[in-house]
């Protein structure tokens, strides 16, 4: 996946949140012979989330894909000097984010975090955070 494709997906995902108010988890799989497969998930509990993760993992283990891009709306907390012992979704200081994680089959990847704030029905985007230090298999990062 090239940067232009990832950027187009990022901008489209932002637009979906702005217009619909939310973004369902979505995965793009780039095939070794070209083309893309896409999955969209709608999970509301840990069991459904784990089943989605197993589905993604089984597709990746086929060896038919050279890269994957996972997009989801999530919660984030940042406390650099203290240990975090709670789920971000339950923290009082949580922040809403749009997360994009891109992984190649060699284990290298990149993460883009787009924090945002809701003011009524309006979405205010904060400064994006980019990390190119994502290593390991995709399902170990998620």
Protein backbone atom coordinates (compact mmCIF):
# COMPACT_ATOMS: atom_id res chain seq x y z
CA UNK A 1 0.00 0.00 0.00
CA UNK A 2 1.43 3.32 -0.92
CA UNK A 3 1.23 6.52 1.09
CA UNK A 4 -1.34 8.03 -1.29
CA UNK A 5 -3.73 5.10 -0.76
CA UNK A 6 -3.31 5.24 3.03
CA UNK A 7 -3.85 9.02 3.04
CA UNK A 8 -7.01 8.68 0.91
CA UNK A 9 -8.38 6.06 3.31
CA UNK A 10 -7.50 8.29 6.28
CA UNK A 11 -9.30 11.30 4.79
CA UNK A 12 -12.33 9.17 3.87
CA UNK A 13 -12.48 7.71 7.40
CA UNK A 14 -12.38 11.23 8.87
CA UNK A 15 -15.20 12.27 6.57
CA UNK A 16 -17.28 9.24 7.64
CA UNK A 17 -16.91 10.23 11.31
CA UNK A 18 -17.80 13.83 10.51
CA UNK A 19 -20.92 12.86 8.56
CA UNK A 20 -22.12 9.67 10.32
CA UNK A 21 -20.73 10.30 13.81
CA UNK A 22 -18.82 7.01 13.96
CA UNK A 23 -16.68 4.59 11.95
CA UNK A 24 -17.03 0.82 12.10
CA UNK A 25 -13.78 -1.19 12.29
CA UNK A 26 -12.55 -1.89 8.77
CA UNK A 27 -9.65 -3.88 7.34
CA UNK A 28 -8.08 -3.62 3.89
CA UNK A 29 -5.96 -6.60 2.76
CA UNK A 30 -3.60 -5.94 -0.17
CA UNK A 31 -3.17 -9.05 -2.30
CA UNK A 32 0.22 -10.26 -3.49
CA UNK A 33 -1.15 -10.37 -7.04
CA UNK A 34 -2.85 -6.98 -6.77
CA UNK A 35 -6.30 -5.98 -5.67
CA UNK A 36 -7.81 -5.62 -2.21
CA UNK A 37 -10.15 -7.50 0.07
CA UNK A 38 -12.09 -5.50 2.64
CA UNK A 39 -13.86 -6.50 5.85
CA UNK A 40 -16.09 -4.29 7.97
CA UNK A 41 -16.90 -5.36 11.54
CA UNK A 42 -19.64 -4.45 13.95
CA UNK A 43 -18.69 -5.87 17.34
CA UNK A 44 -20.14 -4.80 20.64
CA UNK A 45 -18.32 -7.02 23.12
CA UNK A 46 -14.98 -8.76 23.72
CA UNK A 47 -16.14 -12.10 22.26
CA UNK A 48 -17.17 -10.49 18.97
CA UNK A 49 -13.91 -8.50 18.93
CA UNK A 50 -11.89 -11.71 19.46
CA UNK A 51 -13.80 -13.48 16.67
CA UNK A 52 -13.02 -10.53 14.37
CA UNK A 53 -9.34 -10.76 15.33
CA UNK A 54 -9.30 -14.51 14.62
CA UNK A 55 -10.91 -13.84 11.21
CA UNK A 56 -8.23 -11.28 10.37
CA UNK A 57 -5.46 -13.59 11.58
CA UNK A 58 -6.72 -16.55 9.54
CA UNK A 59 -6.87 -14.39 6.38
CA UNK A 60 -3.33 -13.14 6.97
CA UNK A 61 -1.97 -16.64 7.59
CA UNK A 62 -3.07 -17.77 4.11
CA UNK A 63 -0.05 -15.92 2.71
CA UNK A 64 -2.18 -14.30 -0.01
CA UNK A 65 -1.69 -10.78 1.32
CA UNK A 66 1.36 -8.57 1.41
CA UNK A 67 -0.04 -5.83 3.63
CA UNK A 68 -3.01 -4.90 5.77
CA UNK A 69 -4.55 -1.60 6.90
CA UNK A 70 -6.83 -1.62 9.94
CA UNK A 71 -9.04 1.39 10.73
CA UNK A 72 -11.11 1.85 13.86
CA UNK A 73 -12.51 4.41 16.21
CA UNK A 74 -11.19 3.92 19.74
CA UNK A 75 -10.32 5.51 23.08
CA UNK A 76 -6.83 6.55 24.14
CA UNK A 77 -5.30 7.64 27.42
CA UNK A 78 -1.85 9.10 27.90
CA UNK A 79 -0.14 9.10 31.27
CA UNK A 80 3.60 9.05 30.53
CA UNK A 81 4.75 8.86 34.15
CA UNK A 82 2.35 6.34 35.61
CA UNK A 83 1.29 2.77 35.09
CA UNK A 84 -2.09 2.39 33.43
CA UNK A 85 -4.31 -0.23 35.06
CA UNK A 86 -7.63 0.47 33.40
CA UNK A 87 -9.17 0.13 29.99
CA UNK A 88 -9.04 3.38 28.02
CA UNK A 89 -12.80 3.22 27.44
CA UNK A 90 -13.36 3.38 31.22
CA UNK A 91 -10.87 6.15 32.05
CA UNK A 92 -12.07 9.58 33.04
CA UNK A 93 -9.29 11.24 31.00
CA UNK A 94 -9.92 9.24 27.80
CA UNK A 95 -9.68 10.79 24.36
CA UNK A 96 -11.51 9.67 21.25
CA UNK A 97 -9.30 8.70 18.33
CA UNK A 98 -9.42 7.38 14.83
CA UNK A 99 -6.66 4.78 14.54
CA UNK A 100 -5.05 3.45 11.36
CA UNK A 101 -2.49 0.65 11.64
CA UNK A 102 -0.62 -0.42 8.52
CA UNK A 103 1.47 -3.59 8.51
CA UNK A 104 3.56 -5.26 5.83
CA UNK A 105 4.15 -9.01 5.87
CA UNK A 106 7.79 -8.45 6.88
CA UNK A 107 6.57 -7.11 10.23
CA UNK A 108 7.24 -3.44 9.60
CA UNK A 109 4.41 -1.01 9.99
CA UNK A 110 3.10 2.39 10.81
CA UNK A 111 0.41 3.75 13.06
CA UNK A 112 -1.56 6.92 12.63
CA UNK A 113 -3.60 8.23 15.55
CA UNK A 114 -6.06 11.04 14.90
CA UNK A 115 -7.40 12.42 18.20
CA UNK A 116 -10.66 14.31 18.00
CA UNK A 117 -13.18 16.07 20.19
CA UNK A 118 -16.92 16.33 19.75
CA UNK A 119 -18.63 19.68 20.11
CA UNK A 120 -22.27 18.86 19.61
CA UNK A 121 -22.39 17.20 16.19
CA UNK A 122 -19.18 18.89 15.06
CA UNK A 123 -15.86 16.98 15.07
CA UNK A 124 -12.72 18.93 15.99
CA UNK A 125 -9.58 17.14 14.82
CA UNK A 126 -6.43 17.46 16.94
CA UNK A 127 -2.82 17.03 15.79
CA UNK A 128 -2.21 13.57 14.34
CA UNK A 129 0.34 11.26 15.91
CA UNK A 130 2.42 9.05 13.60
CA UNK A 131 4.57 6.11 14.65
CA UNK A 132 6.72 4.08 12.30
CA UNK A 133 8.01 1.89 15.11
CA UNK A 134 5.27 -0.72 14.98
CA UNK A 135 6.93 -4.13 14.87
CA UNK A 136 5.65 -7.69 15.09
CA UNK A 137 2.66 -9.44 13.64
CA UNK A 138 -0.49 -7.43 13.07
CA UNK A 139 -2.59 -9.33 15.63
CA UNK A 140 0.06 -8.75 18.32
CA UNK A 141 -0.33 -4.99 17.85
CA UNK A 142 -4.12 -4.81 17.89
